[in-house]
């Protein structure tokens, strides 16, 4: 079996990890911190083409719940709010459960 490597920390991901899926495949992230840093670094990349910012993503959380995002900015905002762990944050409303 192939090992799944975190797209941010570059270590083997535990079974309780996040998966980000887009049209090109799956990315694995160890935890909410890695997901947040990966998404924020990508969305703030100054030379990222607009077509990359408009990609849709599906995030699977450690318990298997899936959430879809129409744009990278929505994912980055949700990931930041999720990593901070404040349930009242409005960014947690980004995306939709699937």
C-alpha atoms as a PDB file:
ATOM      1  CA  UNK A   1       0.000   0.000   0.000  1.00  0.00           C
ATOM      2  CA  UNK A   2       1.216   3.495  -0.843  1.00  0.00           C
ATOM      3  CA  UNK A   3       1.901   5.910   1.979  1.00  0.00           C
ATOM      4  CA  UNK A   4       0.000   9.166   1.901  1.00  0.00           C
ATOM      5  CA  UNK A   5       2.288  12.152   2.376  1.00  0.00           C
ATOM      6  CA  UNK A   6       1.151  15.501   3.767  1.00  0.00           C
ATOM      7  CA  UNK A   7       1.265  18.187   1.062  1.00  0.00           C
ATOM      8  CA  UNK A   8       2.553  20.715   3.606  1.00  0.00           C
ATOM      9  CA  UNK A   9       4.632  18.904   6.272  1.00  0.00           C
ATOM     10  CA  UNK A  10       5.895  16.225   3.848  1.00  0.00           C
ATOM     11  CA  UNK A  11       5.445  13.436   6.417  1.00  0.00           C
ATOM     12  CA  UNK A  12       3.194  10.371   6.365  1.00  0.00           C
ATOM     13  CA  UNK A  13      -0.339  11.424   7.272  1.00  0.00           C
ATOM     14  CA  UNK A  14      -2.171   9.755  10.146  1.00  0.00           C
ATOM     15  CA  UNK A  15      -5.508   8.059   9.552  1.00  0.00           C
ATOM     16  CA  UNK A  16      -7.243  11.122  11.020  1.00  0.00           C
ATOM     17  CA  UNK A  17      -6.205  13.570   8.317  1.00  0.00           C
ATOM     18  CA  UNK A  18      -7.757  15.926   5.775  1.00  0.00           C
ATOM     19  CA  UNK A  19      -8.054  15.157   2.068  1.00  0.00           C
ATOM     20  CA  UNK A  20      -8.462  17.921  -0.510  1.00  0.00           C
ATOM     21  CA  UNK A  21      -9.756  16.747  -3.872  1.00  0.00           C
ATOM     22  CA  UNK A  22      -9.831  18.732  -7.097  1.00  0.00           C
ATOM     23  CA  UNK A  23      -9.976  17.856 -10.789  1.00  0.00           C
ATOM     24  CA  UNK A  24      -6.314  16.804 -10.732  1.00  0.00           C
ATOM     25  CA  UNK A  25      -6.469  14.399  -7.787  1.00  0.00           C
ATOM     26  CA  UNK A  26      -6.127  14.195  -4.012  1.00  0.00           C
ATOM     27  CA  UNK A  27      -3.872  16.053  -1.597  1.00  0.00           C
ATOM     28  CA  UNK A  28      -3.401  14.842   1.959  1.00  0.00           C
ATOM     29  CA  UNK A  29      -2.871  17.141   4.926  1.00  0.00           C
ATOM     30  CA  UNK A  30      -2.016  15.991   8.469  1.00  0.00           C
ATOM     31  CA  UNK A  31      -4.336  18.296  10.383  1.00  0.00           C
ATOM     32  CA  UNK A  32      -6.261  21.570  10.322  1.00  0.00           C
ATOM     33  CA  UNK A  33      -3.030  23.555  10.730  1.00  0.00           C
ATOM     34  CA  UNK A  34      -1.496  22.026   7.605  1.00  0.00           C
ATOM     35  CA  UNK A  35      -4.737  22.532   5.668  1.00  0.00           C
ATOM     36  CA  UNK A  36      -4.881  26.189   6.711  1.00  0.00           C
ATOM     37  CA  UNK A  37      -1.247  26.960   5.896  1.00  0.00           C
ATOM     38  CA  UNK A  38      -1.408  25.150   2.537  1.00  0.00           C
ATOM     39  CA  UNK A  39      -4.617  26.931   1.459  1.00  0.00           C
ATOM     40  CA  UNK A  40      -3.557  30.398   2.647  1.00  0.00           C
ATOM     41  CA  UNK A  41      -0.113  30.093   1.043  1.00  0.00           C
ATOM     42  CA  UNK A  42      -1.704  29.065  -2.250  1.00  0.00           C
ATOM     43  CA  UNK A  43      -4.443  31.714  -2.342  1.00  0.00           C
ATOM     44  CA  UNK A  44      -1.978  34.521  -1.477  1.00  0.00           C
ATOM     45  CA  UNK A  45       0.528  33.501  -4.149  1.00  0.00           C
ATOM     46  CA  UNK A  46       0.814  36.710  -6.174  1.00  0.00           C
ATOM     47  CA  UNK A  47       1.344  35.078  -9.572  1.00  0.00           C
ATOM     48  CA  UNK A  48      -1.342  32.393  -9.247  1.00  0.00           C
ATOM     49  CA  UNK A  49      -3.495  32.465 -12.409  1.00  0.00           C
ATOM     50  CA  UNK A  50      -7.135  33.413 -11.936  1.00  0.00           C
ATOM     51  CA  UNK A  51      -8.142  30.016 -13.329  1.00  0.00           C
ATOM     52  CA  UNK A  52      -6.377  28.384 -10.365  1.00  0.00           C
ATOM     53  CA  UNK A  53      -8.212  30.633  -7.906  1.00  0.00           C
ATOM     54  CA  UNK A  54     -11.549  29.630  -9.447  1.00  0.00           C
ATOM     55  CA  UNK A  55     -11.043  25.862  -9.112  1.00  0.00           C
ATOM     56  CA  UNK A  56     -13.503  23.921  -7.018  1.00  0.00           C
ATOM     57  CA  UNK A  57     -12.403  21.667  -4.165  1.00  0.00           C
ATOM     58  CA  UNK A  58     -13.884  19.008  -1.905  1.00  0.00           C
ATOM     59  CA  UNK A  59     -12.450  18.636   1.598  1.00  0.00           C
ATOM     60  CA  UNK A  60     -12.898  15.429   3.565  1.00  0.00           C
ATOM     61  CA  UNK A  61     -12.298  15.927   7.279  1.00  0.00           C
ATOM     62  CA  UNK A  62     -10.826  13.375   9.715  1.00  0.00           C
ATOM     63  CA  UNK A  63     -14.259  11.889  10.512  1.00  0.00           C
ATOM     64  CA  UNK A  64     -15.215  11.515   6.834  1.00  0.00           C
ATOM     65  CA  UNK A  65     -17.526  14.528   6.414  1.00  0.00           C
ATOM     66  CA  UNK A  66     -17.211  16.203   3.016  1.00  0.00           C
ATOM     67  CA  UNK A  67     -17.545  19.888   2.191  1.00  0.00           C
ATOM     68  CA  UNK A  68     -17.309  21.470  -1.261  1.00  0.00           C
ATOM     69  CA  UNK A  69     -15.912  24.892  -2.130  1.00  0.00           C
ATOM     70  CA  UNK A  70     -16.411  26.707  -5.436  1.00  0.00           C
ATOM     71  CA  UNK A  71     -13.316  28.887  -5.105  1.00  0.00           C
ATOM     72  CA  UNK A  72      -9.921  28.657  -3.470  1.00  0.00           C
ATOM     73  CA  UNK A  73     -10.576  31.791  -1.371  1.00  0.00           C
ATOM     74  CA  UNK A  74     -13.633  30.137   0.190  1.00  0.00           C
ATOM     75  CA  UNK A  75     -11.545  27.092   1.091  1.00  0.00           C
ATOM     76  CA  UNK A  76      -8.709  29.215   2.541  1.00  0.00           C
ATOM     77  CA  UNK A  77     -11.098  31.246   4.698  1.00  0.00           C
ATOM     78  CA  UNK A  78     -12.887  28.121   5.935  1.00  0.00           C
ATOM     79  CA  UNK A  79      -9.555  26.388   6.648  1.00  0.00           C
ATOM     80  CA  UNK A  80      -8.333  29.381   8.686  1.00  0.00           C
ATOM     81  CA  UNK A  81     -11.546  29.538  10.720  1.00  0.00           C
ATOM     82  CA  UNK A  82     -11.512  25.772  11.213  1.00  0.00           C
ATOM     83  CA  UNK A  83      -7.887  25.798  12.409  1.00  0.00           C
ATOM     84  CA  UNK A  84      -8.638  28.571  14.913  1.00  0.00           C
ATOM     85  CA  UNK A  85     -11.494  26.490  16.343  1.00  0.00           C
ATOM     86  CA  UNK A  86     -13.972  29.306  16.950  1.00  0.00           C
ATOM     87  CA  UNK A  87     -17.446  27.984  16.044  1.00  0.00           C
ATOM     88  CA  UNK A  88     -18.926  31.498  15.770  1.00  0.00           C
ATOM     89  CA  UNK A  89     -16.605  32.484  12.890  1.00  0.00           C
ATOM     90  CA  UNK A  90     -18.641  33.405   9.800  1.00  0.00           C
ATOM     91  CA  UNK A  91     -16.061  31.819   7.467  1.00  0.00           C
ATOM     92  CA  UNK A  92     -17.175  28.404   8.716  1.00  0.00           C
ATOM     93  CA  UNK A  93     -20.308  28.991   6.619  1.00  0.00           C
ATOM     94  CA  UNK A  94     -18.187  28.950   3.423  1.00  0.00           C
ATOM     95  CA  UNK A  95     -18.781  25.955   1.171  1.00  0.00           C
ATOM     96  CA  UNK A  96     -21.539  23.415   1.568  1.00  0.00           C
ATOM     97  CA  UNK A  97     -21.834  19.963   3.109  1.00  0.00           C
ATOM     98  CA  UNK A  98     -22.132  17.102   0.646  1.00  0.00           C
END
